[in-house]
C-alpha atoms as a PDB file:
ATOM      1  CA  UNK A   1      32.802  20.821   6.730  1.00  0.00           C
ATOM      2  CA  UNK A   2      34.173  18.556   4.072  1.00  0.00           C
ATOM      3  CA  UNK A   3      35.280  15.037   4.832  1.00  0.00           C
ATOM      4  CA  UNK A   4      37.921  13.074   3.016  1.00  0.00           C
ATOM      5  CA  UNK A   5      37.039   9.443   2.448  1.00  0.00           C
ATOM      6  CA  UNK A   6      39.660   6.884   3.300  1.00  0.00           C
ATOM      7  CA  UNK A   7      40.288   4.018   0.862  1.00  0.00           C
ATOM      8  CA  UNK A   8      38.508   1.578   3.171  1.00  0.00           C
ATOM      9  CA  UNK A   9      35.209   3.502   3.049  1.00  0.00           C
ATOM     10  CA  UNK A  10      32.482   1.553   1.303  1.00  0.00           C
ATOM     11  CA  UNK A  11      29.463   3.267   2.798  1.00  0.00           C
ATOM     12  CA  UNK A  12      26.857   1.061   1.170  1.00  0.00           C
ATOM     13  CA  UNK A  13      28.407  -2.199   2.421  1.00  0.00           C
ATOM     14  CA  UNK A  14      30.061  -1.501   5.765  1.00  0.00           C
ATOM     15  CA  UNK A  15      28.480  -1.055   9.159  1.00  0.00           C
ATOM     16  CA  UNK A  16      31.301   1.284  10.216  1.00  0.00           C
ATOM     17  CA  UNK A  17      33.309   3.802   8.210  1.00  0.00           C
ATOM     18  CA  UNK A  18      35.930   6.412   9.010  1.00  0.00           C
ATOM     19  CA  UNK A  19      36.405   9.930   7.716  1.00  0.00           C
ATOM     20  CA  UNK A  20      38.773  12.836   8.222  1.00  0.00           C
ATOM     21  CA  UNK A  21      37.320  16.283   8.855  1.00  0.00           C
ATOM     22  CA  UNK A  22      38.488  19.269   6.824  1.00  0.00           C
ATOM     23  CA  UNK A  23      37.136  22.759   7.396  1.00  0.00           C
ATOM     24  CA  UNK A  24      35.602  24.816  10.190  1.00  0.00           C
ATOM     25  CA  UNK A  25      31.828  24.449   9.798  1.00  0.00           C
ATOM     26  CA  UNK A  26      31.377  22.101  12.777  1.00  0.00           C
ATOM     27  CA  UNK A  27      33.663  23.878  15.261  1.00  0.00           C
ATOM     28  CA  UNK A  28      33.891  23.559  18.193  1.00  0.00           C
ATOM     29  CA  UNK A  29      32.324  20.071  18.063  1.00  0.00           C
ATOM     30  CA  UNK A  30      34.640  18.732  15.353  1.00  0.00           C
ATOM     31  CA  UNK A  31      37.783  20.407  14.057  1.00  0.00           C
ATOM     32  CA  UNK A  32      39.962  20.271  10.987  1.00  0.00           C
ATOM     33  CA  UNK A  33      42.028  17.068  11.104  1.00  0.00           C
ATOM     34  CA  UNK A  34      39.681  15.083  13.372  1.00  0.00           C
ATOM     35  CA  UNK A  35      39.185  11.434  12.485  1.00  0.00           C
ATOM     36  CA  UNK A  36      35.602  10.255  13.021  1.00  0.00           C
ATOM     37  CA  UNK A  37      34.033   6.825  13.173  1.00  0.00           C
ATOM     38  CA  UNK A  38      30.626   6.550  11.454  1.00  0.00           C
ATOM     39  CA  UNK A  39      27.808   4.092  11.959  1.00  0.00           C
ATOM     40  CA  UNK A  40      26.312   3.582   8.492  1.00  0.00           C
ATOM     41  CA  UNK A  41      22.990   2.081   9.595  1.00  0.00           C
ATOM     42  CA  UNK A  42      21.045   4.267  11.980  1.00  0.00           C
ATOM     43  CA  UNK A  43      17.696   5.845  12.766  1.00  0.00           C
ATOM     44  CA  UNK A  44      17.604   9.489  11.654  1.00  0.00           C
ATOM     45  CA  UNK A  45      16.983  11.928  14.537  1.00  0.00           C
ATOM     46  CA  UNK A  46      17.229  15.660  15.043  1.00  0.00           C
ATOM     47  CA  UNK A  47      20.517  16.635  16.706  1.00  0.00           C
ATOM     48  CA  UNK A  48      22.620  13.809  15.274  1.00  0.00           C
ATOM     49  CA  UNK A  49      25.891  14.654  13.550  1.00  0.00           C
ATOM     50  CA  UNK A  50      25.996  12.906  10.181  1.00  0.00           C
ATOM     51  CA  UNK A  51      28.100  12.514   7.065  1.00  0.00           C
ATOM     52  CA  UNK A  52      26.100  13.446   3.976  1.00  0.00           C
ATOM     53  CA  UNK A  53      26.813  13.643   0.254  1.00  0.00           C
ATOM     54  CA  UNK A  54      26.889  17.240  -0.937  1.00  0.00           C
ATOM     55  CA  UNK A  55      23.818  17.657  -3.200  1.00  0.00           C
ATOM     56  CA  UNK A  56      25.783  20.063  -5.419  1.00  0.00           C
ATOM     57  CA  UNK A  57      28.770  17.726  -5.851  1.00  0.00           C
ATOM     58  CA  UNK A  58      27.939  14.100  -4.902  1.00  0.00           C
ATOM     59  CA  UNK A  59      31.608  13.063  -4.747  1.00  0.00           C
ATOM     60  CA  UNK A  60      32.083  15.533  -1.874  1.00  0.00           C
ATOM     61  CA  UNK A  61      31.128  14.546   1.668  1.00  0.00           C
ATOM     62  CA  UNK A  62      29.984  16.993   4.336  1.00  0.00           C
ATOM     63  CA  UNK A  63      29.578  16.604   8.078  1.00  0.00           C
ATOM     64  CA  UNK A  64      26.563  18.413   9.523  1.00  0.00           C
ATOM     65  CA  UNK A  65      24.024  18.240  12.327  1.00  0.00           C
ATOM     66  CA  UNK A  66      20.452  17.194  11.532  1.00  0.00           C
ATOM     67  CA  UNK A  67      18.239  20.231  12.123  1.00  0.00           C
ATOM     68  CA  UNK A  68      14.875  18.876  10.906  1.00  0.00           C
ATOM     69  CA  UNK A  69      13.562  15.575   9.577  1.00  0.00           C
ATOM     70  CA  UNK A  70      10.941  15.220   6.838  1.00  0.00           C
ATOM     71  CA  UNK A  71       9.412  12.104   5.303  1.00  0.00           C
ATOM     72  CA  UNK A  72      11.960  11.890   2.471  1.00  0.00           C
ATOM     73  CA  UNK A  73      14.555  14.520   3.349  1.00  0.00           C
ATOM     74  CA  UNK A  74      16.508  16.130   6.160  1.00  0.00           C
ATOM     75  CA  UNK A  75      17.633  19.664   6.865  1.00  0.00           C
ATOM     76  CA  UNK A  76      21.321  19.739   7.889  1.00  0.00           C
ATOM     77  CA  UNK A  77      23.316  22.598   9.372  1.00  0.00           C
ATOM     78  CA  UNK A  78      26.827  23.252  10.588  1.00  0.00           C
ATOM     79  CA  UNK A  79      27.508  24.151  14.219  1.00  0.00           C
ATOM     80  CA  UNK A  80      29.540  27.190  13.106  1.00  0.00           C
ATOM     81  CA  UNK A  81      27.152  29.104  10.777  1.00  0.00           C
ATOM     82  CA  UNK A  82      29.776  31.681   9.797  1.00  0.00           C
ATOM     83  CA  UNK A  83      31.813  28.950   8.062  1.00  0.00           C
ATOM     84  CA  UNK A  84      29.059  26.510   7.080  1.00  0.00           C
ATOM     85  CA  UNK A  85      27.459  25.834   3.721  1.00  0.00           C
ATOM     86  CA  UNK A  86      24.408  23.739   4.531  1.00  0.00           C
ATOM     87  CA  UNK A  87      20.648  23.375   3.983  1.00  0.00           C
ATOM     88  CA  UNK A  88      20.241  27.122   4.400  1.00  0.00           C
ATOM     89  CA  UNK A  89      22.132  27.397   1.085  1.00  0.00           C
ATOM     90  CA  UNK A  90      21.219  24.246  -0.857  1.00  0.00           C
ATOM     91  CA  UNK A  91      17.935  23.154   0.758  1.00  0.00           C
ATOM     92  CA  UNK A  92      17.017  19.828   2.359  1.00  0.00           C
ATOM     93  CA  UNK A  93      18.940  16.727   1.328  1.00  0.00           C
ATOM     94  CA  UNK A  94      17.480  13.336   0.484  1.00  0.00           C
ATOM     95  CA  UNK A  95      17.674  10.714   3.216  1.00  0.00           C
ATOM     96  CA  UNK A  96      19.517   8.445   0.792  1.00  0.00           C
ATOM     97  CA  UNK A  97      22.346  11.040   0.751  1.00  0.00           C
ATOM     98  CA  UNK A  98      23.082  10.313   4.443  1.00  0.00           C
ATOM     99  CA  UNK A  99      26.181   8.121   4.718  1.00  0.00           C
ATOM    100  CA  UNK A 100      26.454   7.640   8.456  1.00  0.00           C
ATOM    101  CA  UNK A 101      26.036   8.988  11.967  1.00  0.00           C
ATOM    102  CA  UNK A 102      29.149  10.067  13.845  1.00  0.00           C
ATOM    103  CA  UNK A 103      29.822   7.733  16.776  1.00  0.00           C
ATOM    104  CA  UNK A 104      32.961   9.411  18.093  1.00  0.00           C
ATOM    105  CA  UNK A 105      36.229  11.147  17.299  1.00  0.00           C
ATOM    106  CA  UNK A 106      39.123   8.742  17.623  1.00  0.00           C
ATOM    107  CA  UNK A 107      42.069  10.872  16.635  1.00  0.00           C
ATOM    108  CA  UNK A 108      43.429  14.009  15.047  1.00  0.00           C
ATOM    109  CA  UNK A 109      45.894  14.543  12.224  1.00  0.00           C
ATOM    110  CA  UNK A 110      49.134  16.096  13.451  1.00  0.00           C
END
């Protein structure tokens, strides 16, 4: 699931950030058009839904669930495997690629 950054997103400096979901890889948890609030400083744990930079295209942001945690990397996967490109395709991602943990959905594009 790709996320579109809003102009106010400065992941390295802010405690909170917001993103819009595009795509189907996290259905039914998050759907196309959902607006999510992210906490940018967090402890990494299995099961968390996170925003992560795509290792193949760093300007692209993905939303995935943490499947496994290693010392320097995490394995991320979509909730809807049929529509998800994730660590099963591109391998584990570096912890520094994690941008934030999803706190909640606060709206949906109409």
